[in-house]
Amino acid sequence: MEPKETSQLARIVMRTGKILLSSGGDVVSVKNAMKHVCVSQPLATKPEAVISSNTLLFSFKAEHQIITRVSEVNKVSNDINKIALINQFVHNSHSMTMKEMEEELDRIEQEKPHSRAMRILASGICSAGFGFFFSDWADAIYIFFIGLGAGWILTSKINRILAIMAAAFFVTICPILLQMIHIPIGIETTVVSNMPLMVPGMVIFNSIRDIINANYQAAAARFAEAILIAASIAAGTGIALAVVLL
């Protein structure tokens, strides 16, 4: 391979891993995807990857050269759509040229998530859906609107931990205030119905998967993130209760 081609392949491999990791992919999936894309090109051999929760280190051999790249992921989200697109890209990589790969990665990177309005509406619907299991129709209506408010907070551009704390405060204080003005609403039911919007389910899932695959460093980082999110939920709820008791 020419130096230009090896540099292009290294760039494609790192972009693949970075998109997948930043979209919420687990360490093993990222590692396997990068290796698969690398060996899709002739003369690229012995791919090696070291992946953590926010860092990618990758190397491969091209004839007599050892090509190494390092990259950092600054922001991690949960974008199931991009994960699916990257997995499809990896599956088809053996039948693509490197130019086609870069064009496909450009398309995936430009893929926009659902609009904020749609995500806020989905938050309200999800909260109301949980409310149906624990309460009657009247409570579910209030839960829906409180879920919209929580969704608006969670989809804002503030720090994720602060957003979760603010949302937990909001879903706790609202039913208490509604009951104070003599609106019949179950406080516990309303709070519990809105909490799934904040629970770090995917983070915990990836942490457990990393433990099973003996990626203890990544598992510890994800587990610490889950603990921090749980503490933020507890703090927001506690602050709301403290405000009411003052």
Protein backbone atom coordinates (compact mmCIF):
# COMPACT_ATOMS: atom_id res chain seq x y z
CA MET A 1 0.00 0.00 0.00
CA GLU A 2 1.14 3.54 -0.74
CA PRO A 3 1.64 5.93 2.22
CA LYS A 4 -1.39 7.92 1.04
CA GLU A 5 -3.53 4.77 1.06
CA THR A 6 -2.38 3.65 4.51
CA SER A 7 -3.11 7.11 5.89
CA GLN A 8 -6.57 7.05 4.30
CA LEU A 9 -7.31 3.59 5.72
CA ALA A 10 -6.16 4.66 9.19
CA ARG A 11 -8.45 7.69 8.99
CA ILE A 12 -11.42 5.51 7.95
CA VAL A 13 -10.80 3.02 10.75
CA MET A 14 -10.55 5.73 13.41
CA ARG A 15 -13.66 7.50 12.15
CA THR A 16 -15.57 4.23 12.30
CA GLY A 17 -14.55 3.60 15.90
CA LYS A 18 -15.11 7.19 16.97
CA ILE A 19 -18.66 7.37 15.56
CA LEU A 20 -19.59 4.04 17.11
CA LEU A 21 -18.09 4.82 20.54
CA SER A 22 -19.55 8.34 20.67
CA SER A 23 -22.99 6.92 19.77
CA GLY A 24 -23.00 4.62 22.81
CA GLY A 25 -21.38 1.47 21.40
CA ASP A 26 -19.65 -0.88 23.81
CA VAL A 27 -15.89 -1.46 23.79
CA VAL A 28 -15.97 -4.93 22.21
CA SER A 29 -18.24 -3.83 19.36
CA VAL A 30 -16.00 -0.83 18.63
CA LYS A 31 -12.87 -2.99 18.64
CA ASN A 32 -14.37 -5.62 16.33
CA ALA A 33 -15.76 -2.99 13.95
CA MET A 34 -12.39 -1.26 13.59
CA LYS A 35 -10.58 -4.53 12.95
CA HIS A 36 -13.18 -5.64 10.42
CA VAL A 37 -12.91 -2.40 8.44
CA CYS A 38 -9.10 -2.54 8.53
CA VAL A 39 -8.76 -6.06 7.11
CA SER A 40 -11.32 -5.28 4.40
CA GLN A 41 -8.42 -3.80 2.44
CA PRO A 42 -5.67 -5.98 0.93
CA LEU A 43 -2.20 -5.93 2.53
CA ALA A 44 -3.55 -4.50 5.80
CA THR A 45 -2.76 -7.08 8.47
CA LYS A 46 -2.40 -7.61 12.22
CA PRO A 47 -4.91 -5.00 13.41
CA GLU A 48 -4.72 -4.23 17.12
CA ALA A 49 -7.03 -1.98 19.12
CA VAL A 50 -7.05 -0.67 22.68
CA ILE A 51 -10.38 0.98 23.51
CA SER A 52 -11.56 2.67 26.70
CA SER A 53 -14.75 4.57 27.43
CA ASN A 54 -13.40 7.74 25.72
CA THR A 55 -10.11 6.80 24.00
CA LEU A 56 -9.20 4.82 20.88
CA LEU A 57 -5.73 3.46 20.10
CA PHE A 58 -5.36 1.45 16.88
CA SER A 59 -2.49 0.03 14.85
CA PHE A 60 -2.06 -2.24 11.84
CA LYS A 61 0.70 -3.48 9.58
CA ALA A 62 0.87 -2.49 5.91
CA GLU A 63 3.74 -4.33 4.24
CA HIS A 64 6.77 -3.17 6.28
CA GLN A 65 5.08 -0.26 8.02
CA ILE A 66 3.34 -0.13 11.39
CA ILE A 67 0.58 2.49 11.27
CA THR A 68 -0.67 3.79 14.64
CA ARG A 69 -3.43 6.25 15.43
CA VAL A 70 -4.85 7.67 18.68
CA SER A 71 -8.10 9.56 19.14
CA GLU A 72 -10.19 10.89 22.01
CA VAL A 73 -13.99 10.97 22.23
CA ASN A 74 -15.16 14.05 24.11
CA LYS A 75 -18.91 13.43 24.12
CA VAL A 76 -20.84 10.17 24.34
CA SER A 77 -24.57 9.92 23.60
CA ASN A 78 -27.11 7.18 22.97
CA ASP A 79 -27.79 7.25 19.23
CA ILE A 80 -29.23 3.87 18.26
CA ASN A 81 -29.74 4.99 14.66
CA LYS A 82 -26.04 5.74 14.11
CA ILE A 83 -25.04 2.46 15.78
CA ALA A 84 -27.25 0.60 13.31
CA LEU A 85 -25.83 2.55 10.34
CA ILE A 86 -22.23 1.91 11.41
CA ASN A 87 -22.91 -1.80 11.87
CA GLN A 88 -24.36 -1.94 8.37
CA PHE A 89 -21.35 -0.02 7.04
CA VAL A 90 -18.94 -2.47 8.70
CA HIS A 91 -20.85 -5.42 7.27
CA ASN A 92 -20.56 -3.99 3.73
CA SER A 93 -16.99 -2.68 4.02
CA HIS A 94 -15.41 -5.64 2.16
CA SER A 95 -17.28 -4.69 -1.01
CA MET A 96 -16.45 -0.98 -0.84
CA THR A 97 -13.51 1.11 -1.97
CA MET A 98 -11.90 3.49 0.50
CA LYS A 99 -13.43 6.46 -1.33
CA GLU A 100 -16.88 4.89 -0.98
CA MET A 101 -16.15 4.22 2.70
CA GLU A 102 -15.33 7.87 3.37
CA GLU A 103 -18.45 9.00 1.53
CA GLU A 104 -20.59 6.62 3.58
CA LEU A 105 -18.98 7.80 6.84
CA ASP A 106 -19.68 11.40 5.80
CA ARG A 107 -23.32 10.48 5.28
CA ILE A 108 -23.53 8.75 8.68
CA GLU A 109 -21.90 11.69 10.48
CA GLN A 110 -24.37 14.09 8.86
CA GLU A 111 -27.33 11.93 9.92
CA LYS A 112 -29.39 14.13 12.19
CA PRO A 113 -31.09 12.77 15.32
CA HIS A 114 -34.80 13.19 15.86
CA SER A 115 -35.85 16.78 16.42
CA ARG A 116 -35.96 18.13 19.95
CA ALA A 117 -39.74 18.54 19.72
CA MET A 118 -40.10 14.87 18.82
CA ARG A 119 -37.90 13.78 21.72
CA ILE A 120 -39.83 15.97 24.17
CA LEU A 121 -43.13 14.51 22.93
CA ALA A 122 -41.70 11.00 23.24
CA SER A 123 -40.71 11.76 26.85
CA GLY A 124 -44.27 12.73 27.70
CA ILE A 125 -45.71 9.65 26.00
CA CYS A 126 -43.25 7.32 27.74
CA SER A 127 -43.99 8.83 31.15
CA ALA A 128 -47.74 8.57 30.56
CA GLY A 129 -47.28 4.97 29.45
CA PHE A 130 -45.57 4.10 32.72
CA GLY A 131 -48.27 6.03 34.54
CA PHE A 132 -50.98 3.76 33.12
CA PHE A 133 -49.44 0.82 34.97
CA PHE A 134 -49.66 2.51 38.36
CA SER A 135 -52.51 5.01 38.22
CA ASP A 136 -55.77 5.99 36.54
CA TRP A 137 -56.36 8.13 33.45
CA ALA A 138 -56.53 11.36 35.45
CA ASP A 139 -53.03 10.94 36.87
CA ALA A 140 -51.68 9.85 33.48
CA ILE A 141 -52.68 13.18 31.95
CA TYR A 142 -50.71 15.12 34.58
CA ILE A 143 -47.82 12.67 34.24
CA PHE A 144 -47.78 13.28 30.47
CA PHE A 145 -47.36 17.05 30.88
CA ILE A 146 -44.75 16.66 33.62
CA GLY A 147 -42.92 14.23 31.31
CA LEU A 148 -42.93 16.91 28.61
CA GLY A 149 -41.25 19.30 31.05
CA ALA A 150 -38.68 16.69 32.04
CA GLY A 151 -37.99 15.97 28.37
CA TRP A 152 -37.48 19.67 27.69
CA ILE A 153 -34.87 19.82 30.48
CA LEU A 154 -33.12 16.59 29.45
CA THR A 155 -32.82 17.65 25.80
CA SER A 156 -31.33 21.05 26.62
CA LYS A 157 -27.67 21.79 25.95
CA ILE A 158 -26.59 22.11 29.58
CA ASN A 159 -24.28 19.61 31.24
CA ARG A 160 -25.84 16.13 31.28
CA ILE A 161 -25.48 15.63 35.04
CA LEU A 162 -26.99 19.04 35.81
CA ALA A 163 -29.84 18.33 33.37
CA ILE A 164 -30.64 15.04 35.10
CA MET A 165 -30.55 16.69 38.52
CA ALA A 166 -32.84 19.50 37.32
CA ALA A 167 -35.24 17.00 35.72
CA ALA A 168 -35.38 14.92 38.92
CA PHE A 169 -36.12 18.09 40.90
CA PHE A 170 -38.85 19.07 38.42
CA VAL A 171 -40.69 15.72 38.38
CA THR A 172 -40.62 15.63 42.21
CA ILE A 173 -41.67 19.18 42.96
CA CYS A 174 -44.50 19.37 40.39
CA PRO A 175 -46.86 16.72 41.86
CA ILE A 176 -46.22 18.08 45.37
CA LEU A 177 -47.22 21.58 44.28
CA LEU A 178 -50.26 20.25 42.39
CA GLN A 179 -51.42 18.42 45.50
CA MET A 180 -50.92 21.59 47.56
CA ILE A 181 -53.45 23.39 45.36
CA HIS A 182 -55.89 20.52 45.90
CA ILE A 183 -55.44 18.73 42.58
CA PRO A 184 -55.83 14.98 43.25
CA ILE A 185 -52.62 13.36 42.07
CA GLY A 186 -50.48 10.52 43.39
CA ILE A 187 -47.07 11.97 44.22
CA GLU A 188 -45.21 8.65 44.40
CA THR A 189 -46.84 7.36 41.20
CA THR A 190 -46.01 10.52 39.29
CA VAL A 191 -42.39 10.58 40.38
CA VAL A 192 -41.83 6.88 39.68
CA SER A 193 -43.48 7.15 36.25
CA ASN A 194 -41.08 9.91 35.16
CA MET A 195 -37.88 8.45 36.60
CA PRO A 196 -37.27 5.98 33.70
CA LEU A 197 -36.47 9.01 31.49
CA MET A 198 -33.30 9.51 33.56
CA VAL A 199 -32.25 5.97 34.49
CA PRO A 200 -28.85 5.12 32.85
CA GLY A 201 -30.00 1.80 31.39
CA MET A 202 -27.68 1.70 28.37
CA VAL A 203 -24.68 2.77 30.44
CA ILE A 204 -25.27 -0.05 32.95
CA PHE A 205 -25.85 -2.56 30.14
CA ASN A 206 -22.55 -1.65 28.46
CA SER A 207 -20.77 -1.76 31.81
CA ILE A 208 -22.00 -5.31 32.48
CA ARG A 209 -21.08 -6.35 28.95
CA ASP A 210 -17.57 -4.93 29.40
CA ILE A 211 -17.19 -6.88 32.66
CA ILE A 212 -18.24 -10.11 30.94
CA ASN A 213 -15.66 -9.44 28.21
CA ALA A 214 -12.96 -8.67 30.82
CA ASN A 215 -12.67 -4.99 29.79
CA TYR A 216 -12.51 -3.89 33.40
CA GLN A 217 -11.14 -0.38 32.82
CA ALA A 218 -13.98 0.58 30.47
CA ALA A 219 -16.48 -1.19 32.74
CA ALA A 220 -15.28 0.78 35.76
CA ALA A 221 -15.58 4.09 33.87
CA ARG A 222 -19.12 3.30 32.70
CA PHE A 223 -20.13 2.04 36.14
CA ALA A 224 -18.82 5.25 37.70
CA GLU A 225 -20.87 7.23 35.17
CA ALA A 226 -23.99 5.23 36.10
CA ILE A 227 -23.35 5.86 39.82
CA LEU A 228 -22.93 9.58 39.13
CA ILE A 229 -26.23 9.71 37.21
CA ALA A 230 -27.99 7.81 40.02
CA ALA A 231 -26.56 10.25 42.55
CA SER A 232 -27.79 13.17 40.44
CA ILE A 233 -31.31 11.71 40.38
CA ALA A 234 -31.22 11.26 44.15
CA ALA A 235 -29.86 14.77 44.66
CA GLY A 236 -32.54 16.39 42.51
CA THR A 237 -35.28 14.49 44.31
CA GLY A 238 -33.77 15.29 47.72
CA ILE A 239 -33.49 19.00 46.96
CA ALA A 240 -37.15 19.09 45.91
CA LEU A 241 -38.23 17.42 49.17
CA ALA A 242 -36.02 19.75 51.19
CA VAL A 243 -37.56 22.81 49.50
CA VAL A 244 -41.07 21.59 50.32
CA LEU A 245 -40.17 20.96 53.99
CA LEU A 246 -38.67 24.42 54.49
